[in-house]
């Protein structure tokens, strides 16, 4: 492997790990403790790191260089972190949805209705 390809593999695996850490911070609730401006900067930073990773991947492919085992490991870890981050975001969104519904007074219909007009008598 040439020195350029070796350096590229190292940069690409480090970038993938850096991106994984940004997803871990979010999933660990790190965004809950910080001001909105800081969260926005982290989200923008994550986007920049994703773009950087795509550029490094494109460069490596243009050199017809295969992935190293270190890079493969970093990408597997990144895939796990992204999946966990997606699950955490989905859970948070469902919790927010439930909280908003509760504040509006929405609930699950009990199915108990009055007389002929079908007026709902209760909500769960």
C-alpha atoms as a PDB file:
ATOM      1  CA  UNK A   1       0.000   0.000   0.000  1.00  0.00           C
ATOM      2  CA  UNK A   2       1.373   3.399  -0.903  1.00  0.00           C
ATOM      3  CA  UNK A   3       1.988   6.066   1.698  1.00  0.00           C
ATOM      4  CA  UNK A   4      -0.791   8.225   0.217  1.00  0.00           C
ATOM      5  CA  UNK A   5      -3.321   5.395   0.440  1.00  0.00           C
ATOM      6  CA  UNK A   6      -2.201   4.557   3.974  1.00  0.00           C
ATOM      7  CA  UNK A   7      -2.613   8.192   5.043  1.00  0.00           C
ATOM      8  CA  UNK A   8      -5.995   8.327   3.355  1.00  0.00           C
ATOM      9  CA  UNK A   9      -7.168   5.192   5.189  1.00  0.00           C
ATOM     10  CA  UNK A  10      -6.038   6.685   8.480  1.00  0.00           C
ATOM     11  CA  UNK A  11      -7.805  10.009   7.817  1.00  0.00           C
ATOM     12  CA  UNK A  12     -10.961   8.233   6.690  1.00  0.00           C
ATOM     13  CA  UNK A  13     -11.109   5.932   9.731  1.00  0.00           C
ATOM     14  CA  UNK A  14     -10.461   8.845  12.114  1.00  0.00           C
ATOM     15  CA  UNK A  15     -13.217  10.840  10.438  1.00  0.00           C
ATOM     16  CA  UNK A  16     -15.632   7.909  10.741  1.00  0.00           C
ATOM     17  CA  UNK A  17     -14.814   7.585  14.450  1.00  0.00           C
ATOM     18  CA  UNK A  18     -15.220  11.335  14.977  1.00  0.00           C
ATOM     19  CA  UNK A  19     -18.635  11.127  13.333  1.00  0.00           C
ATOM     20  CA  UNK A  20     -19.553   8.164  15.521  1.00  0.00           C
ATOM     21  CA  UNK A  21     -18.708  10.187  18.643  1.00  0.00           C
ATOM     22  CA  UNK A  22     -21.067  12.953  17.522  1.00  0.00           C
ATOM     23  CA  UNK A  23     -23.900  10.425  17.197  1.00  0.00           C
ATOM     24  CA  UNK A  24     -23.038   8.935  20.615  1.00  0.00           C
ATOM     25  CA  UNK A  25     -23.217  12.373  22.257  1.00  0.00           C
ATOM     26  CA  UNK A  26     -26.745  12.851  20.979  1.00  0.00           C
ATOM     27  CA  UNK A  27     -27.911   9.373  21.982  1.00  0.00           C
ATOM     28  CA  UNK A  28     -26.412   9.745  25.468  1.00  0.00           C
ATOM     29  CA  UNK A  29     -28.617  12.788  26.012  1.00  0.00           C
ATOM     30  CA  UNK A  30     -25.828  15.309  25.529  1.00  0.00           C
ATOM     31  CA  UNK A  31     -28.107  17.533  23.519  1.00  0.00           C
ATOM     32  CA  UNK A  32     -30.550  17.734  26.449  1.00  0.00           C
ATOM     33  CA  UNK A  33     -28.097  19.660  28.624  1.00  0.00           C
ATOM     34  CA  UNK A  34     -26.784  22.220  26.164  1.00  0.00           C
ATOM     35  CA  UNK A  35     -28.146  25.516  24.849  1.00  0.00           C
ATOM     36  CA  UNK A  36     -29.899  25.414  21.495  1.00  0.00           C
ATOM     37  CA  UNK A  37     -27.083  27.366  19.802  1.00  0.00           C
ATOM     38  CA  UNK A  38     -24.535  24.734  20.880  1.00  0.00           C
ATOM     39  CA  UNK A  39     -26.775  21.898  19.705  1.00  0.00           C
ATOM     40  CA  UNK A  40     -27.211  23.596  16.327  1.00  0.00           C
ATOM     41  CA  UNK A  41     -23.418  23.955  15.961  1.00  0.00           C
ATOM     42  CA  UNK A  42     -22.960  20.240  16.747  1.00  0.00           C
ATOM     43  CA  UNK A  43     -25.574  19.277  14.170  1.00  0.00           C
ATOM     44  CA  UNK A  44     -23.842  21.494  11.598  1.00  0.00           C
ATOM     45  CA  UNK A  45     -20.478  19.990  12.571  1.00  0.00           C
ATOM     46  CA  UNK A  46     -21.884  16.511  12.100  1.00  0.00           C
ATOM     47  CA  UNK A  47     -23.036  17.501   8.608  1.00  0.00           C
ATOM     48  CA  UNK A  48     -19.565  18.838   7.820  1.00  0.00           C
ATOM     49  CA  UNK A  49     -17.931  15.610   9.037  1.00  0.00           C
ATOM     50  CA  UNK A  50     -20.332  13.556   6.896  1.00  0.00           C
ATOM     51  CA  UNK A  51     -19.391  15.644   3.837  1.00  0.00           C
ATOM     52  CA  UNK A  52     -15.701  15.206   4.707  1.00  0.00           C
ATOM     53  CA  UNK A  53     -16.160  11.429   4.967  1.00  0.00           C
ATOM     54  CA  UNK A  54     -17.859  11.340   1.552  1.00  0.00           C
ATOM     55  CA  UNK A  55     -14.984  13.331   0.015  1.00  0.00           C
ATOM     56  CA  UNK A  56     -12.374  11.020   1.533  1.00  0.00           C
ATOM     57  CA  UNK A  57     -14.297   7.979   0.299  1.00  0.00           C
ATOM     58  CA  UNK A  58     -14.510   9.454  -3.189  1.00  0.00           C
ATOM     59  CA  UNK A  59     -10.783  10.227  -3.183  1.00  0.00           C
ATOM     60  CA  UNK A  60      -9.903   6.712  -2.010  1.00  0.00           C
ATOM     61  CA  UNK A  61     -12.098   5.200  -4.720  1.00  0.00           C
ATOM     62  CA  UNK A  62     -10.527   7.439  -7.390  1.00  0.00           C
ATOM     63  CA  UNK A  63      -7.131   6.047  -6.390  1.00  0.00           C
ATOM     64  CA  UNK A  64      -8.582   2.531  -6.759  1.00  0.00           C
ATOM     65  CA  UNK A  65      -7.543   1.818  -3.195  1.00  0.00           C
ATOM     66  CA  UNK A  66      -9.389  -0.854  -1.248  1.00  0.00           C
ATOM     67  CA  UNK A  67     -10.515  -0.295   2.332  1.00  0.00           C
ATOM     68  CA  UNK A  68      -8.208  -1.289   5.165  1.00  0.00           C
ATOM     69  CA  UNK A  69      -9.315  -3.501   8.028  1.00  0.00           C
ATOM     70  CA  UNK A  70      -9.069  -0.487  10.358  1.00  0.00           C
ATOM     71  CA  UNK A  71     -11.375   1.493   8.097  1.00  0.00           C
ATOM     72  CA  UNK A  72     -13.804  -1.421   7.850  1.00  0.00           C
ATOM     73  CA  UNK A  73     -13.923  -1.614  11.652  1.00  0.00           C
ATOM     74  CA  UNK A  74     -14.460   2.153  11.976  1.00  0.00           C
ATOM     75  CA  UNK A  75     -17.300   2.021   9.430  1.00  0.00           C
ATOM     76  CA  UNK A  76     -18.962  -0.910  11.244  1.00  0.00           C
ATOM     77  CA  UNK A  77     -18.799   1.054  14.500  1.00  0.00           C
ATOM     78  CA  UNK A  78     -20.190   4.112  12.738  1.00  0.00           C
ATOM     79  CA  UNK A  79     -23.096   2.087  11.337  1.00  0.00           C
ATOM     80  CA  UNK A  80     -23.932   0.855  14.871  1.00  0.00           C
ATOM     81  CA  UNK A  81     -23.712   4.403  16.276  1.00  0.00           C
ATOM     82  CA  UNK A  82     -25.946   5.784  13.521  1.00  0.00           C
ATOM     83  CA  UNK A  83     -28.493   3.006  14.100  1.00  0.00           C
ATOM     84  CA  UNK A  84     -28.515   3.674  17.860  1.00  0.00           C
ATOM     85  CA  UNK A  85     -28.771   7.401  17.207  1.00  0.00           C
ATOM     86  CA  UNK A  86     -31.741   6.822  14.918  1.00  0.00           C
ATOM     87  CA  UNK A  87     -33.447   4.680  17.558  1.00  0.00           C
ATOM     88  CA  UNK A  88     -32.822   7.337  20.229  1.00  0.00           C
ATOM     89  CA  UNK A  89     -34.178  10.105  17.989  1.00  0.00           C
ATOM     90  CA  UNK A  90     -37.273   8.050  17.166  1.00  0.00           C
ATOM     91  CA  UNK A  91     -37.867   7.357  20.872  1.00  0.00           C
ATOM     92  CA  UNK A  92     -37.452  11.061  21.711  1.00  0.00           C
ATOM     93  CA  UNK A  93     -39.856  12.076  18.941  1.00  0.00           C
ATOM     94  CA  UNK A  94     -42.466   9.575  20.177  1.00  0.00           C
ATOM     95  CA  UNK A  95     -42.072  10.875  23.732  1.00  0.00           C
ATOM     96  CA  UNK A  96     -42.501  14.477  22.589  1.00  0.00           C
ATOM     97  CA  UNK A  97     -45.561  13.457  20.567  1.00  0.00           C
ATOM     98  CA  UNK A  98     -47.068  11.774  23.636  1.00  0.00           C
ATOM     99  CA  UNK A  99     -46.325  14.792  25.827  1.00  0.00           C
ATOM    100  CA  UNK A 100     -47.948  17.151  23.307  1.00  0.00           C
ATOM    101  CA  UNK A 101     -51.022  14.953  22.992  1.00  0.00           C
ATOM    102  CA  UNK A 102     -51.370  14.836  26.771  1.00  0.00           C
ATOM    103  CA  UNK A 103     -51.124  18.636  27.023  1.00  0.00           C
ATOM    104  CA  UNK A 104     -53.819  19.060  24.366  1.00  0.00           C
ATOM    105  CA  UNK A 105     -56.038  16.615  26.205  1.00  0.00           C
ATOM    106  CA  UNK A 106     -55.941  14.050  23.441  1.00  0.00           C
ATOM    107  CA  UNK A 107     -56.196  10.493  24.593  1.00  0.00           C
ATOM    108  CA  UNK A 108     -57.157   7.095  23.394  1.00  0.00           C
ATOM    109  CA  UNK A 109     -60.902   6.849  22.813  1.00  0.00           C
ATOM    110  CA  UNK A 110     -62.477   4.401  25.238  1.00  0.00           C
ATOM    111  CA  UNK A 111     -65.281   3.487  22.876  1.00  0.00           C
ATOM    112  CA  UNK A 112     -67.897   4.520  25.425  1.00  0.00           C
ATOM    113  CA  UNK A 113     -70.460   6.700  23.725  1.00  0.00           C
ATOM    114  CA  UNK A 114     -73.806   8.103  24.716  1.00  0.00           C
ATOM    115  CA  UNK A 115     -77.217   7.519  23.125  1.00  0.00           C
ATOM    116  CA  UNK A 116     -78.137   8.075  19.501  1.00  0.00           C
ATOM    117  CA  UNK A 117     -75.863  11.077  18.818  1.00  0.00           C
ATOM    118  CA  UNK A 118     -72.699   9.029  19.495  1.00  0.00           C
ATOM    119  CA  UNK A 119     -71.088  11.662  21.739  1.00  0.00           C
ATOM    120  CA  UNK A 120     -67.848  10.379  23.238  1.00  0.00           C
ATOM    121  CA  UNK A 121     -68.175  10.054  27.022  1.00  0.00           C
ATOM    122  CA  UNK A 122     -64.568   9.508  27.944  1.00  0.00           C
ATOM    123  CA  UNK A 123     -60.981   9.435  26.838  1.00  0.00           C
ATOM    124  CA  UNK A 124     -58.212   7.196  28.091  1.00  0.00           C
END
